[in-house]
Amino acid sequence: MIVDMEEASRLLTVKETCKYLRISAPTLYRMLERRELIPVKIGKRTLFDRSDLDKFIDAAKGSSPRVKAVPKKPRAKRKGKTLPDRLF
């Protein structure tokens, strides 16, 4: 059986996926828990389709940042006792 090497490298291991996305393994596992990535299970092996990873990257480019800058409310001036008075 002749296997095309390009097709053979289509599926990546967890370690290869982390390297491809430049993330740590714990980050990858959190992404799996949040179902941001869907693995390919073959037997006991967990693999990732390179085209799915590329789609994930393309989608991440177009998305807005998760944390939005929220203007801070000005601090209310404290009235009453000063710090040393409160200690006693």
PDB file of N, CA and C in Angstrom:
ATOM      1  N   MET A   1       0.836  -1.174   0.000  1.00  0.00           N
ATOM      2  CA  MET A   1       0.000   0.000   0.000  1.00  0.00           C
ATOM      3  C   MET A   1       0.881   1.237   0.000  1.00  0.00           C
ATOM      4  N   ILE A   2       0.646   2.132  -0.930  1.00  0.00           N
ATOM      5  CA  ILE A   2       1.423   3.357  -1.043  1.00  0.00           C
ATOM      6  C   ILE A   2       0.671   4.477  -0.326  1.00  0.00           C
ATOM      7  N   VAL A   3       1.378   5.153   0.580  1.00  0.00           N
ATOM      8  CA  VAL A   3       0.774   6.230   1.354  1.00  0.00           C
ATOM      9  C   VAL A   3       1.411   7.545   0.941  1.00  0.00           C
ATOM     10  N   ASP A   4       0.572   8.490   0.555  1.00  0.00           N
ATOM     11  CA  ASP A   4       1.055   9.818   0.205  1.00  0.00           C
ATOM     12  C   ASP A   4       1.497  10.521   1.486  1.00  0.00           C
ATOM     13  N   MET A   5       2.728  11.021   1.548  1.00  0.00           N
ATOM     14  CA  MET A   5       3.246  11.644   2.764  1.00  0.00           C
ATOM     15  C   MET A   5       2.482  12.904   3.143  1.00  0.00           C
ATOM     16  N   GLU A   6       1.981  13.622   2.146  1.00  0.00           N
ATOM     17  CA  GLU A   6       1.198  14.816   2.457  1.00  0.00           C
ATOM     18  C   GLU A   6      -0.083  14.433   3.179  1.00  0.00           C
ATOM     19  N   GLU A   7      -0.710  13.359   2.730  1.00  0.00           N
ATOM     20  CA  GLU A   7      -1.939  12.878   3.358  1.00  0.00           C
ATOM     21  C   GLU A   7      -1.641  12.296   4.737  1.00  0.00           C
ATOM     22  N   ALA A   8      -0.479  11.657   4.889  1.00  0.00           N
ATOM     23  CA  ALA A   8      -0.109  11.066   6.176  1.00  0.00           C
ATOM     24  C   ALA A   8       0.115  12.139   7.226  1.00  0.00           C
ATOM     25  N   SER A   9       0.582  13.299   6.836  1.00  0.00           N
ATOM     26  CA  SER A   9       0.832  14.369   7.795  1.00  0.00           C
ATOM     27  C   SER A   9      -0.404  15.232   8.030  1.00  0.00           C
ATOM     28  N   ARG A  10      -1.544  14.824   7.475  1.00  0.00           N
ATOM     29  CA  ARG A  10      -2.785  15.568   7.663  1.00  0.00           C
ATOM     30  C   ARG A  10      -3.239  15.509   9.116  1.00  0.00           C
ATOM     31  N   LEU A  11      -3.045  14.364   9.757  1.00  0.00           N
ATOM     32  CA  LEU A  11      -3.432  14.202  11.152  1.00  0.00           C
ATOM     33  C   LEU A  11      -2.226  14.430  12.052  1.00  0.00           C
ATOM     34  N   LEU A  12      -2.428  15.254  13.060  1.00  0.00           N
ATOM     35  CA  LEU A  12      -1.342  15.605  13.977  1.00  0.00           C
ATOM     36  C   LEU A  12      -1.617  15.045  15.360  1.00  0.00           C
ATOM     37  N   THR A  13      -0.553  14.671  16.053  1.00  0.00           N
ATOM     38  CA  THR A  13      -0.664  14.217  17.435  1.00  0.00           C
ATOM     39  C   THR A  13      -0.887  15.428  18.338  1.00  0.00           C
ATOM     40  N   VAL A  14      -1.136  15.170  19.612  1.00  0.00           N
ATOM     41  CA  VAL A  14      -1.319  16.260  20.580  1.00  0.00           C
ATOM     42  C   VAL A  14      -0.066  17.134  20.612  1.00  0.00           C
ATOM     43  N   LYS A  15       1.092  16.500  20.668  1.00  0.00           N
ATOM     44  CA  LYS A  15       2.353  17.238  20.729  1.00  0.00           C
ATOM     45  C   LYS A  15       2.566  18.078  19.466  1.00  0.00           C
ATOM     46  N   GLU A  16       2.287  17.487  18.313  1.00  0.00           N
ATOM     47  CA  GLU A  16       2.438  18.212  17.047  1.00  0.00           C
ATOM     48  C   GLU A  16       1.438  19.365  16.941  1.00  0.00           C
ATOM     49  N   THR A  17       0.219  19.124  17.442  1.00  0.00           N
ATOM     50  CA  THR A  17      -0.808  20.166  17.418  1.00  0.00           C
ATOM     51  C   THR A  17      -0.400  21.345  18.290  1.00  0.00           C
ATOM     52  N   CYS A  18       0.143  21.044  19.471  1.00  0.00           N
ATOM     53  CA  CYS A  18       0.621  22.114  20.359  1.00  0.00           C
ATOM     54  C   CYS A  18       1.719  22.924  19.676  1.00  0.00           C
ATOM     55  N   LYS A  19       2.607  22.240  19.014  1.00  0.00           N
ATOM     56  CA  LYS A  19       3.692  22.915  18.313  1.00  0.00           C
ATOM     57  C   LYS A  19       3.147  23.740  17.145  1.00  0.00           C
ATOM     58  N   TYR A  20       2.173  23.177  16.423  1.00  0.00           N
ATOM     59  CA  TYR A  20       1.575  23.854  15.266  1.00  0.00           C
ATOM     60  C   TYR A  20       0.853  25.134  15.688  1.00  0.00           C
ATOM     61  N   LEU A  21       0.106  25.068  16.796  1.00  0.00           N
ATOM     62  CA  LEU A  21      -0.632  26.235  17.285  1.00  0.00           C
ATOM     63  C   LEU A  21       0.194  27.107  18.220  1.00  0.00           C
ATOM     64  N   ARG A  22       1.373  26.607  18.607  1.00  0.00           N
ATOM     65  CA  ARG A  22       2.262  27.302  19.543  1.00  0.00           C
ATOM     66  C   ARG A  22       1.577  27.556  20.883  1.00  0.00           C
ATOM     67  N   ILE A  23       0.989  26.490  21.413  1.00  0.00           N
ATOM     68  CA  ILE A  23       0.331  26.537  22.718  1.00  0.00           C
ATOM     69  C   ILE A  23       0.831  25.370  23.552  1.00  0.00           C
ATOM     70  N   SER A  24       0.538  25.408  24.845  1.00  0.00           N
ATOM     71  CA  SER A  24       0.936  24.314  25.728  1.00  0.00           C
ATOM     72  C   SER A  24      -0.123  23.219  25.710  1.00  0.00           C
ATOM     73  N   ALA A  25       0.246  22.066  26.192  1.00  0.00           N
ATOM     74  CA  ALA A  25      -0.700  20.943  26.253  1.00  0.00           C
ATOM     75  C   ALA A  25      -1.893  21.261  27.158  1.00  0.00           C
ATOM     76  N   PRO A  26      -1.690  21.872  28.342  1.00  0.00           N
ATOM     77  CA  PRO A  26      -2.861  22.216  29.160  1.00  0.00           C
ATOM     78  C   PRO A  26      -3.826  23.170  28.441  1.00  0.00           C
ATOM     79  N   THR A  27      -3.285  24.092  27.660  1.00  0.00           N
ATOM     80  CA  THR A  27      -4.140  24.998  26.896  1.00  0.00           C
ATOM     81  C   THR A  27      -4.946  24.217  25.864  1.00  0.00           C
ATOM     82  N   LEU A  28      -4.312  23.274  25.207  1.00  0.00           N
ATOM     83  CA  LEU A  28      -5.007  22.443  24.220  1.00  0.00           C
ATOM     84  C   LEU A  28      -6.132  21.656  24.880  1.00  0.00           C
ATOM     85  N   TYR A  29      -5.867  21.083  26.049  1.00  0.00           N
ATOM     86  CA  TYR A  29      -6.891  20.311  26.743  1.00  0.00           C
ATOM     87  C   TYR A  29      -8.049  21.196  27.201  1.00  0.00           C
ATOM     88  N   ARG A  30      -7.766  22.444  27.602  1.00  0.00           N
ATOM     89  CA  ARG A  30      -8.857  23.380  27.948  1.00  0.00           C
ATOM     90  C   ARG A  30      -9.696  23.689  26.716  1.00  0.00           C
ATOM     91  N   MET A  31      -9.037  23.845  25.565  1.00  0.00           N
ATOM     92  CA  MET A  31      -9.759  24.096  24.317  1.00  0.00           C
ATOM     93  C   MET A  31     -10.650  22.909  23.966  1.00  0.00           C
ATOM     94  N   LEU A  32     -10.177  21.699  24.257  1.00  0.00           N
ATOM     95  CA  LEU A  32     -10.985  20.504  24.013  1.00  0.00           C
ATOM     96  C   LEU A  32     -12.204  20.479  24.936  1.00  0.00           C
ATOM     97  N   GLU A  33     -12.017  20.852  26.204  1.00  0.00           N
ATOM     98  CA  GLU A  33     -13.131  20.893  27.153  1.00  0.00           C
ATOM     99  C   GLU A  33     -14.192  21.893  26.714  1.00  0.00           C
ATOM    100  N   ARG A  34     -13.741  23.029  26.159  1.00  0.00           N
ATOM    101  CA  ARG A  34     -14.677  24.066  25.696  1.00  0.00           C
ATOM    102  C   ARG A  34     -15.206  23.768  24.301  1.00  0.00           C
ATOM    103  N   ARG A  35     -14.765  22.643  23.727  1.00  0.00           N
ATOM    104  CA  ARG A  35     -15.170  22.200  22.391  1.00  0.00           C
ATOM    105  C   ARG A  35     -14.819  23.223  21.305  1.00  0.00           C
ATOM    106  N   GLU A  36     -13.692  23.894  21.491  1.00  0.00           N
ATOM    107  CA  GLU A  36     -13.190  24.803  20.461  1.00  0.00           C
ATOM    108  C   GLU A  36     -12.513  24.018  19.340  1.00  0.00           C
ATOM    109  N   LEU A  37     -11.990  22.860  19.680  1.00  0.00           N
ATOM    110  CA  LEU A  37     -11.385  21.949  18.708  1.00  0.00           C
ATOM    111  C   LEU A  37     -12.005  20.569  18.895  1.00  0.00           C
ATOM    112  N   ILE A  38     -12.217  19.884  17.789  1.00  0.00           N
ATOM    113  CA  ILE A  38     -12.775  18.536  17.827  1.00  0.00           C
ATOM    114  C   ILE A  38     -11.694  17.562  17.348  1.00  0.00           C
ATOM    115  N   PRO A  39     -11.311  16.603  18.184  1.00  0.00           N
ATOM    116  CA  PRO A  39     -10.266  15.662  17.783  1.00  0.00           C
ATOM    117  C   PRO A  39     -10.814  14.528  16.924  1.00  0.00           C
ATOM    118  N   VAL A  40      -9.891  13.846  16.281  1.00  0.00           N
ATOM    119  CA  VAL A  40     -10.191  12.622  15.537  1.00  0.00           C
ATOM    120  C   VAL A  40      -9.673  11.488  16.408  1.00  0.00           C
ATOM    121  N   LYS A  41     -10.563  10.595  16.831  1.00  0.00           N
ATOM    122  CA  LYS A  41     -10.149   9.472  17.666  1.00  0.00           C
ATOM    123  C   LYS A  41      -9.978   8.243  16.782  1.00  0.00           C
ATOM    124  N   ILE A  42      -8.794   7.684  16.786  1.00  0.00           N
ATOM    125  CA  ILE A  42      -8.517   6.439  16.074  1.00  0.00           C
ATOM    126  C   ILE A  42      -7.942   5.487  17.117  1.00  0.00           C
ATOM    127  N   GLY A  43      -8.756   4.519  17.506  1.00  0.00           N
ATOM    128  CA  GLY A  43      -8.351   3.638  18.595  1.00  0.00           C
ATOM    129  C   GLY A  43      -8.214   4.460  19.856  1.00  0.00           C
ATOM    130  N   LYS A  44      -7.071   4.351  20.503  1.00  0.00           N
ATOM    131  CA  LYS A  44      -6.805   5.125  21.711  1.00  0.00           C
ATOM    132  C   LYS A  44      -6.126   6.459  21.410  1.00  0.00           C
ATOM    133  N   ARG A  45      -5.785   6.660  20.152  1.00  0.00           N
ATOM    134  CA  ARG A  45      -5.032   7.865  19.778  1.00  0.00           C
ATOM    135  C   ARG A  45      -5.961   9.052  19.573  1.00  0.00           C
ATOM    136  N   THR A  46      -5.519  10.206  20.030  1.00  0.00           N
ATOM    137  CA  THR A  46      -6.227  11.463  19.808  1.00  0.00           C
ATOM    138  C   THR A  46      -5.417  12.259  18.807  1.00  0.00           C
ATOM    139  N   LEU A  47      -6.019  12.515  17.661  1.00  0.00           N
ATOM    140  CA  LEU A  47      -5.340  13.228  16.583  1.00  0.00           C
ATOM    141  C   LEU A  47      -6.162  14.427  16.171  1.00  0.00           C
ATOM    142  N   PHE A  48      -5.531  15.348  15.459  1.00  0.00           N
ATOM    143  CA  PHE A  48      -6.192  16.565  15.017  1.00  0.00           C
ATOM    144  C   PHE A  48      -5.965  16.755  13.528  1.00  0.00           C
ATOM    145  N   ASP A  49      -7.024  17.065  12.824  1.00  0.00           N
ATOM    146  CA  ASP A  49      -6.962  17.296  11.388  1.00  0.00           C
ATOM    147  C   ASP A  49      -6.381  18.681  11.140  1.00  0.00           C
ATOM    148  N   ARG A  50      -5.327  18.736  10.352  1.00  0.00           N
ATOM    149  CA  ARG A  50      -4.646  20.009  10.072  1.00  0.00           C
ATOM    150  C   ARG A  50      -5.610  21.026   9.443  1.00  0.00           C
ATOM    151  N   SER A  51      -6.521  20.575   8.586  1.00  0.00           N
ATOM    152  CA  SER A  51      -7.459  21.518   7.951  1.00  0.00           C
ATOM    153  C   SER A  51      -8.414  22.115   8.980  1.00  0.00           C
ATOM    154  N   ASP A  52      -8.801  21.326  10.010  1.00  0.00           N
ATOM    155  CA  ASP A  52      -9.634  21.871  11.086  1.00  0.00           C
ATOM    156  C   ASP A  52      -8.869  22.929  11.880  1.00  0.00           C
ATOM    157  N   LEU A  53      -7.586  22.681  12.096  1.00  0.00           N
ATOM    158  CA  LEU A  53      -6.769  23.658  12.824  1.00  0.00           C
ATOM    159  C   LEU A  53      -6.625  24.950  12.022  1.00  0.00           C
ATOM    160  N   ASP A  54      -6.462  24.805  10.702  1.00  0.00           N
ATOM    161  CA  ASP A  54      -6.361  25.993   9.847  1.00  0.00           C
ATOM    162  C   ASP A  54      -7.668  26.788   9.861  1.00  0.00           C
ATOM    163  N   LYS A  55      -8.801  26.092   9.863  1.00  0.00           N
ATOM    164  CA  LYS A  55     -10.099  26.780   9.947  1.00  0.00           C
ATOM    165  C   LYS A  55     -10.239  27.501  11.280  1.00  0.00           C
ATOM    166  N   PHE A  56      -9.774  26.862  12.359  1.00  0.00           N
ATOM    167  CA  PHE A  56      -9.811  27.482  13.684  1.00  0.00           C
ATOM    168  C   PHE A  56      -8.972  28.761  13.695  1.00  0.00           C
ATOM    169  N   ILE A  57      -7.804  28.710  13.095  1.00  0.00           N
ATOM    170  CA  ILE A  57      -6.919  29.876  13.040  1.00  0.00           C
ATOM    171  C   ILE A  57      -7.577  30.996  12.230  1.00  0.00           C
ATOM    172  N   ASP A  58      -8.156  30.650  11.080  1.00  0.00           N
ATOM    173  CA  ASP A  58      -8.825  31.657  10.251  1.00  0.00           C
ATOM    174  C   ASP A  58      -9.994  32.294  10.984  1.00  0.00           C
ATOM    175  N   ALA A  59     -10.753  31.498  11.725  1.00  0.00           N
ATOM    176  CA  ALA A  59     -11.881  32.032  12.492  1.00  0.00           C
ATOM    177  C   ALA A  59     -11.393  32.943  13.613  1.00  0.00           C
ATOM    178  N   ALA A  60     -10.259  32.592  14.210  1.00  0.00           N
ATOM    179  CA  ALA A  60      -9.716  33.402  15.299  1.00  0.00           C
ATOM    180  C   ALA A  60      -9.219  34.754  14.791  1.00  0.00           C
ATOM    181  N   LYS A  61      -8.786  34.800  13.548  1.00  0.00           N
ATOM    182  CA  LYS A  61      -8.321  36.072  12.973  1.00  0.00           C
ATOM    183  C   LYS A  61      -9.453  37.075  12.876  1.00  0.00           C
ATOM    184  N   GLY A  62     -10.636  36.608  12.518  1.00  0.00           N
ATOM    185  CA  GLY A  62     -11.762  37.493  12.302  1.00  0.00           C
ATOM    186  C   GLY A  62     -12.551  37.818  13.549  1.00  0.00           C
ATOM    187  N   SER A  63     -12.281  37.105  14.636  1.00  0.00           N
ATOM    188  CA  SER A  63     -13.077  37.332  15.841  1.00  0.00           C
ATOM    189  C   SER A  63     -12.543  38.513  16.626  1.00  0.00           C
ATOM    190  N   SER A  64     -13.437  39.108  17.388  1.00  0.00           N
ATOM    191  CA  SER A  64     -13.035  40.217  18.245  1.00  0.00           C
ATOM    192  C   SER A  64     -12.398  39.643  19.501  1.00  0.00           C
ATOM    193  N   PRO A  65     -11.579  40.423  20.161  1.00  0.00           N
ATOM    194  CA  PRO A  65     -10.944  39.929  21.378  1.00  0.00           C
ATOM    195  C   PRO A  65     -11.992  39.599  22.439  1.00  0.00           C
ATOM    196  N   ARG A  66     -11.715  38.572  23.226  1.00  0.00           N
ATOM    197  CA  ARG A  66     -12.656  38.161  24.272  1.00  0.00           C
ATOM    198  C   ARG A  66     -12.814  39.211  25.349  1.00  0.00           C
ATOM    199  N   VAL A  67     -11.707  39.785  25.743  1.00  0.00           N
ATOM    200  CA  VAL A  67     -11.736  40.772  26.813  1.00  0.00           C
ATOM    201  C   VAL A  67     -11.844  42.148  26.178  1.00  0.00           C
ATOM    202  N   LYS A  68     -12.943  42.804  26.443  1.00  0.00           N
ATOM    203  CA  LYS A  68     -13.137  44.138  25.903  1.00  0.00           C
ATOM    204  C   LYS A  68     -12.704  45.162  26.943  1.00  0.00           C
ATOM    205  N   ALA A  69     -12.150  46.231  26.452  1.00  0.00           N
ATOM    206  CA  ALA A  69     -11.726  47.286  27.361  1.00  0.00           C
ATOM    207  C   ALA A  69     -12.963  47.987  27.898  1.00  0.00           C
ATOM    208  N   VAL A  70     -13.115  47.946  29.199  1.00  0.00           N
ATOM    209  CA  VAL A  70     -14.242  48.593  29.857  1.00  0.00           C
ATOM    210  C   VAL A  70     -13.694  49.795  30.602  1.00  0.00           C
ATOM    211  N   PRO A  71     -14.271  50.973  30.339  1.00  0.00           N
ATOM    212  CA  PRO A  71     -13.760  52.140  31.052  1.00  0.00           C
ATOM    213  C   PRO A  71     -13.973  51.983  32.549  1.00  0.00           C
ATOM    214  N   LYS A  72     -12.947  52.336  33.286  1.00  0.00           N
ATOM    215  CA  LYS A  72     -13.032  52.221  34.739  1.00  0.00           C
ATOM    216  C   LYS A  72     -13.857  53.357  35.311  1.00  0.00           C
ATOM    217  N   LYS A  73     -14.621  53.017  36.344  1.00  0.00           N
ATOM    218  CA  LYS A  73     -15.393  54.038  37.035  1.00  0.00           C
ATOM    219  C   LYS A  73     -14.443  54.806  37.947  1.00  0.00           C
ATOM    220  N   PRO A  74     -14.637  56.101  38.044  1.00  0.00           N
ATOM    221  CA  PRO A  74     -13.768  56.849  38.955  1.00  0.00           C
ATOM    222  C   PRO A  74     -14.030  56.405  40.392  1.00  0.00           C
ATOM    223  N   ARG A  75     -12.975  56.329  41.153  1.00  0.00           N
ATOM    224  CA  ARG A  75     -13.109  55.922  42.553  1.00  0.00           C
ATOM    225  C   ARG A  75     -13.836  56.998  43.344  1.00  0.00           C
ATOM    226  N   ALA A  76     -14.720  56.541  44.189  1.00  0.00           N
ATOM    227  CA  ALA A  76     -15.433  57.478  45.055  1.00  0.00           C
ATOM    228  C   ALA A  76     -14.491  57.933  46.157  1.00  0.00           C
ATOM    229  N   LYS A  77     -14.576  59.212  46.485  1.00  0.00           N
ATOM    230  CA  LYS A  77     -13.740  59.717  47.568  1.00  0.00           C
ATOM    231  C   LYS A  77     -14.267  59.181  48.879  1.00  0.00           C
ATOM    232  N   ARG A  78     -13.336  58.740  49.706  1.00  0.00           N
ATOM    233  CA  ARG A  78     -13.737  58.184  51.001  1.00  0.00           C
ATOM    234  C   ARG A  78     -13.962  59.311  51.979  1.00  0.00           C
ATOM    235  N   LYS A  79     -15.044  59.196  52.656  1.00  0.00           N
ATOM    236  CA  LYS A  79     -15.365  60.178  53.693  1.00  0.00           C
ATOM    237  C   LYS A  79     -15.259  59.499  55.038  1.00  0.00           C
ATOM    238  N   GLY A  80     -14.973  60.265  56.004  1.00  0.00           N
ATOM    239  CA  GLY A  80     -14.949  59.694  57.362  1.00  0.00           C
ATOM    240  C   GLY A  80     -13.537  59.516  57.852  1.00  0.00           C
ATOM    241  N   LYS A  81     -13.340  58.422  58.524  1.00  0.00           N
ATOM    242  CA  LYS A  81     -12.074  58.188  59.212  1.00  0.00           C
ATOM    243  C   LYS A  81     -10.947  57.931  58.222  1.00  0.00           C
ATOM    244  N   THR A  82      -9.760  58.311  58.617  1.00  0.00           N
ATOM    245  CA  THR A  82      -8.579  58.031  57.812  1.00  0.00           C
ATOM    246  C   THR A  82      -8.032  56.673  58.223  1.00  0.00           C
ATOM    247  N   LEU A  83      -7.097  56.158  57.504  1.00  0.00           N
ATOM    248  CA  LEU A  83      -6.577  54.829  57.731  1.00  0.00           C
ATOM    249  C   LEU A  83      -6.072  54.615  59.174  1.00  0.00           C
ATOM    250  N   PRO A  84      -5.226  55.494  59.716  1.00  0.00           N
ATOM    251  CA  PRO A  84      -4.758  55.240  61.086  1.00  0.00           C
ATOM    252  C   PRO A  84      -5.893  55.232  62.101  1.00  0.00           C
ATOM    253  N   ASP A  85      -6.955  56.020  61.912  1.00  0.00           N
ATOM    254  CA  ASP A  85      -8.049  56.033  62.864  1.00  0.00           C
ATOM    255  C   ASP A  85      -8.802  54.697  62.851  1.00  0.00           C
ATOM    256  N   ARG A  86      -8.837  54.033  61.722  1.00  0.00           N
ATOM    257  CA  ARG A  86      -9.572  52.785  61.614  1.00  0.00           C
ATOM    258  C   ARG A  86      -8.808  51.626  62.256  1.00  0.00           C
ATOM    259  N   LEU A  87      -7.543  51.765  62.474  1.00  0.00           N
ATOM    260  CA  LEU A  87      -6.762  50.682  63.044  1.00  0.00           C
ATOM    261  C   LEU A  87      -7.019  50.510  64.541  1.00  0.00           C
ATOM    262  N   PHE A  88      -7.548  51.513  65.174  1.00  0.00           N
ATOM    263  CA  PHE A  88      -7.737  51.442  66.629  1.00  0.00           C
ATOM    264  C   PHE A  88      -9.147  51.211  67.011  1.00  0.00           C
TER     265      PHE A  88
END
